[in-house]
């Protein structure tokens, strides 16, 4: 088992459905993970700060708890294949027991409503990584894409997305970074504004991640990382997880191939070295209509492409799992 994927939205895809985590039509399920040789999957509780369906009485705090409950229900039903991890030692124990590992994460720090007490309680529930924002400004920080700043009935194709280099962490956000360091919860800067990223680099005493982001030099999108951000990530000792989302991989509307994804890996390796690259698919949060890499079962095709580009076995192991394990060990 050699794949660690730092981000998927599979639990969101299961909500309100009878589908089982074991086998489904989703991009990630346990059978596909087995075929793809997975060691660990980070399951994000993707909870938009504001309901995109304009539901009355929508509570991101409550929704996150419902999703966490579904996560644990699915793990309970599939104990023979996968177990949760709360510590680095738990991951090693699962490897020894020939089981895959599930790590609970949150995508949208706004679910804490600005309360450190809620952050600590999410930690007690098993959350070991959290993105500080999604695409809404919250009490902690500002994202690069802020839906609050767009017209009410905006269409994505009509909006020019630009990086925010002005608004970063709030004072409360600085408190969150320090408390996440203290607790042992990995800070995830994907979605965060450029200014917010540099703020986290300034205040975090532990390695951070950008769990599902690519290289802006290869594809100019504000969700991707600039070369300078990648250099700062290296100084921090963190890891960037390569996202397979077509719009983050390349600009045109053609099929996004595995070769296109590997171009980002090559660029980052050439810039900062092999020790700071991981994988962050964003499966079940993206469409695979334009993707050659359809689902988790196909990860061996990525490894094959890396080998064809002269990556050594040790390099591939670092990309696939060792670099992320190093960051996890340093945090929890």
Protein backbone atom coordinates (compact mmCIF):
# COMPACT_ATOMS: atom_id res chain seq x y z
CA UNK A 1 0.00 0.00 0.00
CA UNK A 2 1.75 3.14 -1.14
CA UNK A 3 -0.68 5.95 -2.00
CA UNK A 4 -1.57 8.74 0.42
CA UNK A 5 -4.19 11.14 -0.93
CA UNK A 6 -4.50 14.31 1.14
CA UNK A 7 -7.93 15.39 -0.08
CA UNK A 8 -11.23 13.99 -1.33
CA UNK A 9 -14.88 15.00 -0.94
CA UNK A 10 -16.27 11.48 -0.88
CA UNK A 11 -18.21 11.82 2.38
CA UNK A 12 -20.06 14.79 0.90
CA UNK A 13 -20.88 12.60 -2.11
CA UNK A 14 -22.36 9.97 0.24
CA UNK A 15 -24.56 12.34 2.24
CA UNK A 16 -28.26 11.69 1.78
CA UNK A 17 -27.60 8.58 -0.30
CA UNK A 18 -27.68 4.84 0.26
CA UNK A 19 -24.23 4.39 -1.30
CA UNK A 20 -21.62 2.60 0.77
CA UNK A 21 -17.99 3.57 1.11
CA UNK A 22 -17.06 0.00 0.25
CA UNK A 23 -18.25 0.02 -3.38
CA UNK A 24 -20.03 2.79 -5.29
CA UNK A 25 -20.10 4.88 -8.45
CA UNK A 26 -18.00 7.55 -6.75
CA UNK A 27 -14.41 8.28 -7.72
CA UNK A 28 -13.24 6.91 -4.39
CA UNK A 29 -14.46 3.83 -2.59
CA UNK A 30 -12.61 1.11 -0.71
CA UNK A 31 -12.53 -1.32 -3.61
CA UNK A 32 -11.04 1.33 -5.91
CA UNK A 33 -8.57 2.29 -3.18
CA UNK A 34 -7.45 -1.33 -2.89
CA UNK A 35 -6.94 -1.56 -6.63
CA UNK A 36 -5.02 1.73 -6.59
CA UNK A 37 -2.74 0.49 -3.78
CA UNK A 38 -3.78 3.04 -1.15
CA UNK A 39 -2.11 3.38 2.21
CA UNK A 40 -4.16 6.32 3.54
CA UNK A 41 -7.01 8.55 2.44
CA UNK A 42 -7.73 11.92 4.01
CA UNK A 43 -11.52 12.27 4.04
CA UNK A 44 -12.46 15.95 4.05
CA UNK A 45 -15.68 17.12 5.62
CA UNK A 46 -16.43 19.67 2.88
CA UNK A 47 -18.87 22.13 4.43
CA UNK A 48 -19.41 25.44 2.58
CA UNK A 49 -19.54 28.36 5.00
CA UNK A 50 -22.73 29.49 3.30
CA UNK A 51 -25.22 27.10 1.72
CA UNK A 52 -25.03 27.30 -2.06
CA UNK A 53 -28.62 26.01 -2.17
CA UNK A 54 -29.86 28.95 -0.07
CA UNK A 55 -31.31 26.55 2.47
CA UNK A 56 -33.02 28.19 5.42
CA UNK A 57 -31.45 27.61 8.82
CA UNK A 58 -28.32 26.16 7.22
CA UNK A 59 -25.64 25.65 9.86
CA UNK A 60 -22.09 24.74 8.77
CA UNK A 61 -21.36 23.72 12.36
CA UNK A 62 -24.26 21.24 12.41
CA UNK A 63 -23.57 19.99 8.89
CA UNK A 64 -19.97 19.22 9.77
CA UNK A 65 -21.09 17.10 12.72
CA UNK A 66 -23.55 15.21 10.52
CA UNK A 67 -20.79 14.49 8.02
CA UNK A 68 -18.41 13.32 10.75
CA UNK A 69 -21.13 10.96 12.00
CA UNK A 70 -21.54 9.53 8.47
CA UNK A 71 -17.75 9.14 8.20
CA UNK A 72 -17.60 7.03 11.35
CA UNK A 73 -20.66 5.01 10.34
CA UNK A 74 -18.94 4.07 7.09
CA UNK A 75 -15.73 3.12 8.89
CA UNK A 76 -17.68 0.98 11.36
CA UNK A 77 -19.26 -0.92 8.45
CA UNK A 78 -15.89 -1.58 6.85
CA UNK A 79 -13.56 -2.42 9.73
CA UNK A 80 -12.05 -5.30 7.81
CA UNK A 81 -10.53 -2.96 5.22
CA UNK A 82 -9.91 0.42 6.85
CA UNK A 83 -9.37 1.98 10.28
CA UNK A 84 -9.16 5.59 11.45
CA UNK A 85 -5.92 7.14 12.67
CA UNK A 86 -5.62 9.69 15.45
CA UNK A 87 -1.83 9.50 15.87
CA UNK A 88 1.13 8.79 13.62
CA UNK A 89 1.54 5.49 15.47
CA UNK A 90 -2.00 4.51 14.47
CA UNK A 91 -0.99 4.79 10.80
CA UNK A 92 1.98 2.48 11.39
CA UNK A 93 -0.24 0.05 13.28
CA UNK A 94 -2.71 -0.09 10.38
CA UNK A 95 0.13 -0.76 7.95
CA UNK A 96 1.30 -3.65 10.12
CA UNK A 97 -2.27 -4.98 10.23
CA UNK A 98 -2.53 -4.72 6.43
CA UNK A 99 -5.35 -2.19 6.68
CA UNK A 100 -5.86 1.07 4.89
CA UNK A 101 -6.04 4.22 7.02
CA UNK A 102 -8.69 6.96 7.10
CA UNK A 103 -7.74 10.40 8.35
CA UNK A 104 -10.50 12.86 9.25
CA UNK A 105 -10.07 16.40 7.90
CA UNK A 106 -12.22 19.50 7.46
CA UNK A 107 -12.46 21.70 4.38
CA UNK A 108 -13.64 25.09 5.69
CA UNK A 109 -12.36 26.47 8.98
CA UNK A 110 -15.54 28.54 9.16
CA UNK A 111 -17.30 25.54 10.74
CA UNK A 112 -15.58 26.60 13.98
CA UNK A 113 -17.43 29.94 13.83
CA UNK A 114 -14.30 31.64 15.13
CA UNK A 115 -14.35 29.70 18.42
CA UNK A 116 -11.19 27.94 19.61
CA UNK A 117 -13.43 25.79 21.81
CA UNK A 118 -15.09 24.36 18.70
CA UNK A 119 -11.68 23.75 17.10
CA UNK A 120 -10.61 21.78 20.16
CA UNK A 121 -13.81 19.75 20.10
CA UNK A 122 -13.32 18.90 16.43
CA UNK A 123 -9.86 17.71 17.40
CA UNK A 124 -11.41 15.52 20.10
CA UNK A 125 -13.72 14.06 17.42
CA UNK A 126 -10.64 13.00 15.47
CA UNK A 127 -9.98 15.87 13.05
CA UNK A 128 -6.27 16.02 12.30
CA UNK A 129 -6.13 18.50 9.41
CA UNK A 130 -8.18 21.55 8.43
CA UNK A 131 -8.22 24.05 5.57
CA UNK A 132 -8.56 27.52 7.05
CA UNK A 133 -11.02 28.58 4.34
CA UNK A 134 -12.96 27.34 1.36
CA UNK A 135 -14.26 29.95 -1.12
CA UNK A 136 -15.82 32.23 1.48
CA UNK A 137 -14.19 34.72 3.81
CA UNK A 138 -14.66 33.62 7.41
CA UNK A 139 -13.59 34.61 10.92
CA UNK A 140 -10.14 33.09 10.37
CA UNK A 141 -8.99 34.28 6.97
CA UNK A 142 -9.73 35.25 3.37
CA UNK A 143 -9.53 32.85 0.40
CA UNK A 144 -8.18 33.65 -3.05
CA UNK A 145 -11.63 33.04 -4.52
CA UNK A 146 -14.23 34.77 -2.32
CA UNK A 147 -17.80 34.09 -3.40
CA UNK A 148 -18.99 36.83 -1.01
CA UNK A 149 -17.36 39.40 -3.30
CA UNK A 150 -19.22 38.26 -6.44
CA UNK A 151 -22.71 39.22 -7.64
CA UNK A 152 -25.48 37.13 -6.07
CA UNK A 153 -26.31 35.20 -9.25
CA UNK A 154 -22.78 35.03 -10.63
CA UNK A 155 -21.66 32.41 -13.14
CA UNK A 156 -18.15 31.03 -12.79
CA UNK A 157 -17.42 31.50 -16.48
CA UNK A 158 -18.12 35.25 -16.15
CA UNK A 159 -15.75 35.82 -13.23
CA UNK A 160 -12.05 36.55 -13.55
CA UNK A 161 -10.40 34.89 -10.59
CA UNK A 162 -7.40 36.78 -9.20
CA UNK A 163 -5.08 36.13 -6.28
CA UNK A 164 -5.64 38.17 -3.12
CA UNK A 165 -2.30 39.56 -1.92
CA UNK A 166 -3.81 42.00 0.59
CA UNK A 167 -6.19 40.12 2.95
CA UNK A 168 -4.78 37.24 4.96
CA UNK A 169 -5.20 35.87 8.46
CA UNK A 170 -7.31 37.78 10.96
CA UNK A 171 -6.14 38.16 14.56
CA UNK A 172 -8.40 35.22 15.36
CA UNK A 173 -6.79 33.33 12.49
CA UNK A 174 -3.36 33.78 14.05
CA UNK A 175 -4.78 32.30 17.26
CA UNK A 176 -6.12 29.35 15.25
CA UNK A 177 -2.73 28.68 13.66
CA UNK A 178 -1.02 28.65 17.04
CA UNK A 179 -3.70 26.44 18.59
CA UNK A 180 -3.63 23.99 15.69
CA UNK A 181 0.14 23.73 16.16
CA UNK A 182 -0.36 23.08 19.86
CA UNK A 183 -3.08 20.48 19.36
CA UNK A 184 -1.30 18.61 16.59
CA UNK A 185 -3.68 19.46 13.75
CA UNK A 186 -2.14 19.99 10.31
CA UNK A 187 -2.74 23.45 8.84
CA UNK A 188 -3.97 23.23 5.24
CA UNK A 189 -3.50 26.35 3.09
CA UNK A 190 -5.31 25.19 -0.05
CA UNK A 191 -7.96 27.82 -0.94
CA UNK A 192 -6.28 30.40 1.28
CA UNK A 193 -5.34 33.81 -0.18
CA UNK A 194 -1.72 34.39 -1.17
CA UNK A 195 -1.40 36.83 1.76
CA UNK A 196 -2.92 34.24 4.09
CA UNK A 197 -0.39 31.64 2.97
CA UNK A 198 2.52 33.92 3.84
CA UNK A 199 0.88 34.71 7.19
CA UNK A 200 0.65 31.01 8.01
CA UNK A 201 4.29 30.52 7.01
CA UNK A 202 5.17 33.34 9.42
CA UNK A 203 3.25 32.01 12.41
CA UNK A 204 3.27 28.21 12.07
CA UNK A 205 6.00 26.39 13.97
CA UNK A 206 5.20 23.09 12.26
CA UNK A 207 5.19 21.93 8.62
CA UNK A 208 1.99 22.84 6.77
CA UNK A 209 0.33 21.44 3.66
CA UNK A 210 -1.46 22.74 0.62
CA UNK A 211 -3.43 19.54 0.34
CA UNK A 212 -4.89 19.97 -3.15
CA UNK A 213 -3.09 22.61 -5.19
CA UNK A 214 -0.85 22.73 -8.27
CA UNK A 215 1.87 24.99 -9.73
CA UNK A 216 0.76 28.42 -10.95
CA UNK A 217 3.72 28.58 -13.34
CA UNK A 218 2.24 25.63 -15.25
CA UNK A 219 -1.41 26.68 -14.97
CA UNK A 220 -2.15 30.29 -14.04
CA UNK A 221 -4.98 29.87 -11.54
CA UNK A 222 -5.14 31.53 -8.09
CA UNK A 223 -5.87 28.15 -6.49
CA UNK A 224 -2.36 27.11 -7.50
CA UNK A 225 0.93 28.05 -5.84
CA UNK A 226 3.43 30.54 -7.21
CA UNK A 227 7.09 29.58 -7.40
CA UNK A 228 7.85 31.86 -4.45
CA UNK A 229 5.14 30.18 -2.37
CA UNK A 230 6.64 26.81 -3.23
CA UNK A 231 10.07 28.01 -2.12
CA UNK A 232 8.58 29.22 1.17
CA UNK A 233 6.83 25.86 1.57
CA UNK A 234 10.22 24.17 1.24
CA UNK A 235 11.65 26.40 3.98
CA UNK A 236 8.71 25.40 6.19
CA UNK A 237 9.22 21.69 5.45
CA UNK A 238 5.67 21.26 4.21
CA UNK A 239 4.10 19.43 1.29
CA UNK A 240 1.92 20.38 -1.68
CA UNK A 241 -0.62 17.76 -2.80
CA UNK A 242 -1.08 17.74 -6.58
CA UNK A 243 -4.73 18.36 -7.47
CA UNK A 244 -6.25 16.58 -10.50
CA UNK A 245 -8.98 19.19 -11.08
CA UNK A 246 -8.85 20.00 -14.82
CA UNK A 247 -9.04 23.79 -14.40
CA UNK A 248 -6.04 23.70 -12.03
CA UNK A 249 -3.98 21.41 -14.27
CA UNK A 250 -4.24 23.25 -17.60
CA UNK A 251 -6.16 26.14 -19.13
CA UNK A 252 -7.64 24.70 -22.30
CA UNK A 253 -10.75 22.55 -22.55
CA UNK A 254 -9.00 19.44 -23.85
CA UNK A 255 -8.76 16.15 -21.99
CA UNK A 256 -6.48 16.44 -18.96
CA UNK A 257 -4.04 13.56 -19.19
CA UNK A 258 -1.83 11.92 -16.60
CA UNK A 259 1.08 13.50 -18.48
CA UNK A 260 -0.45 16.93 -17.78
CA UNK A 261 -0.62 16.17 -14.06
CA UNK A 262 2.98 14.94 -14.00
CA UNK A 263 4.13 18.22 -15.61
CA UNK A 264 3.27 19.94 -12.33
CA UNK A 265 5.24 17.35 -10.37
CA UNK A 266 8.25 17.83 -12.64
CA UNK A 267 8.13 21.61 -12.30
CA UNK A 268 7.91 21.49 -8.51
CA UNK A 269 10.67 18.89 -8.25
CA UNK A 270 12.96 20.99 -10.44
CA UNK A 271 12.21 24.10 -8.37
CA UNK A 272 12.32 22.86 -4.75
CA UNK A 273 13.24 19.18 -4.84
CA UNK A 274 11.44 15.89 -4.46
CA UNK A 275 10.86 16.08 -0.70
CA UNK A 276 7.93 18.50 -0.74
CA UNK A 277 5.49 16.90 -3.20
CA UNK A 278 2.48 14.74 -2.40
CA UNK A 279 -0.91 13.89 -3.90
CA UNK A 280 -4.27 15.56 -3.29
CA UNK A 281 -6.75 14.30 -5.85
CA UNK A 282 -9.89 16.30 -4.96
CA UNK A 283 -11.79 13.20 -6.15
CA UNK A 284 -15.57 13.42 -5.71
CA UNK A 285 -15.24 17.19 -5.47
CA UNK A 286 -14.42 17.48 -9.16
CA UNK A 287 -15.80 16.13 -12.41
CA UNK A 288 -13.87 13.40 -14.20
CA UNK A 289 -15.45 14.11 -17.60
CA UNK A 290 -12.24 15.76 -18.81
CA UNK A 291 -9.94 13.53 -16.79
CA UNK A 292 -7.94 10.60 -18.09
CA UNK A 293 -7.39 9.68 -14.43
CA UNK A 294 -10.99 8.69 -13.77
CA UNK A 295 -10.82 7.40 -10.20
CA UNK A 296 -8.69 5.99 -7.37
CA UNK A 297 -8.27 2.61 -9.06
CA UNK A 298 -5.96 4.10 -11.70
CA UNK A 299 -3.10 5.35 -9.51
CA UNK A 300 -0.71 2.76 -10.91
CA UNK A 301 -0.96 4.66 -14.21
CA UNK A 302 0.44 7.73 -12.43
CA UNK A 303 3.34 5.68 -11.12
CA UNK A 304 3.96 4.32 -14.61
CA UNK A 305 4.10 7.88 -16.02
CA UNK A 306 6.51 8.95 -13.30
CA UNK A 307 8.80 6.04 -14.16
CA UNK A 308 8.67 6.98 -17.83
CA UNK A 309 9.90 10.42 -16.80
CA UNK A 310 12.90 8.87 -15.01
CA UNK A 311 11.69 9.27 -11.45
CA UNK A 312 13.44 6.70 -9.27
CA UNK A 313 11.58 4.26 -7.04
CA UNK A 314 12.64 6.30 -4.01
CA UNK A 315 11.38 9.52 -5.65
CA UNK A 316 8.05 7.87 -6.38
CA UNK A 317 7.73 6.60 -2.83
CA UNK A 318 8.36 10.11 -1.53
CA UNK A 319 5.67 11.58 -3.78
CA UNK A 320 3.17 8.82 -3.10
CA UNK A 321 3.47 8.57 0.68
CA UNK A 322 6.78 9.27 2.41
CA UNK A 323 6.72 13.07 2.23
CA UNK A 324 3.21 13.26 3.66
CA UNK A 325 4.05 10.77 6.40
CA UNK A 326 6.96 13.00 7.40
CA UNK A 327 4.63 16.00 7.80
CA UNK A 328 2.08 13.94 9.72
CA UNK A 329 4.78 12.66 12.07
CA UNK A 330 5.98 16.23 12.71
CA UNK A 331 2.42 17.35 13.56
CA UNK A 332 0.73 14.51 15.39
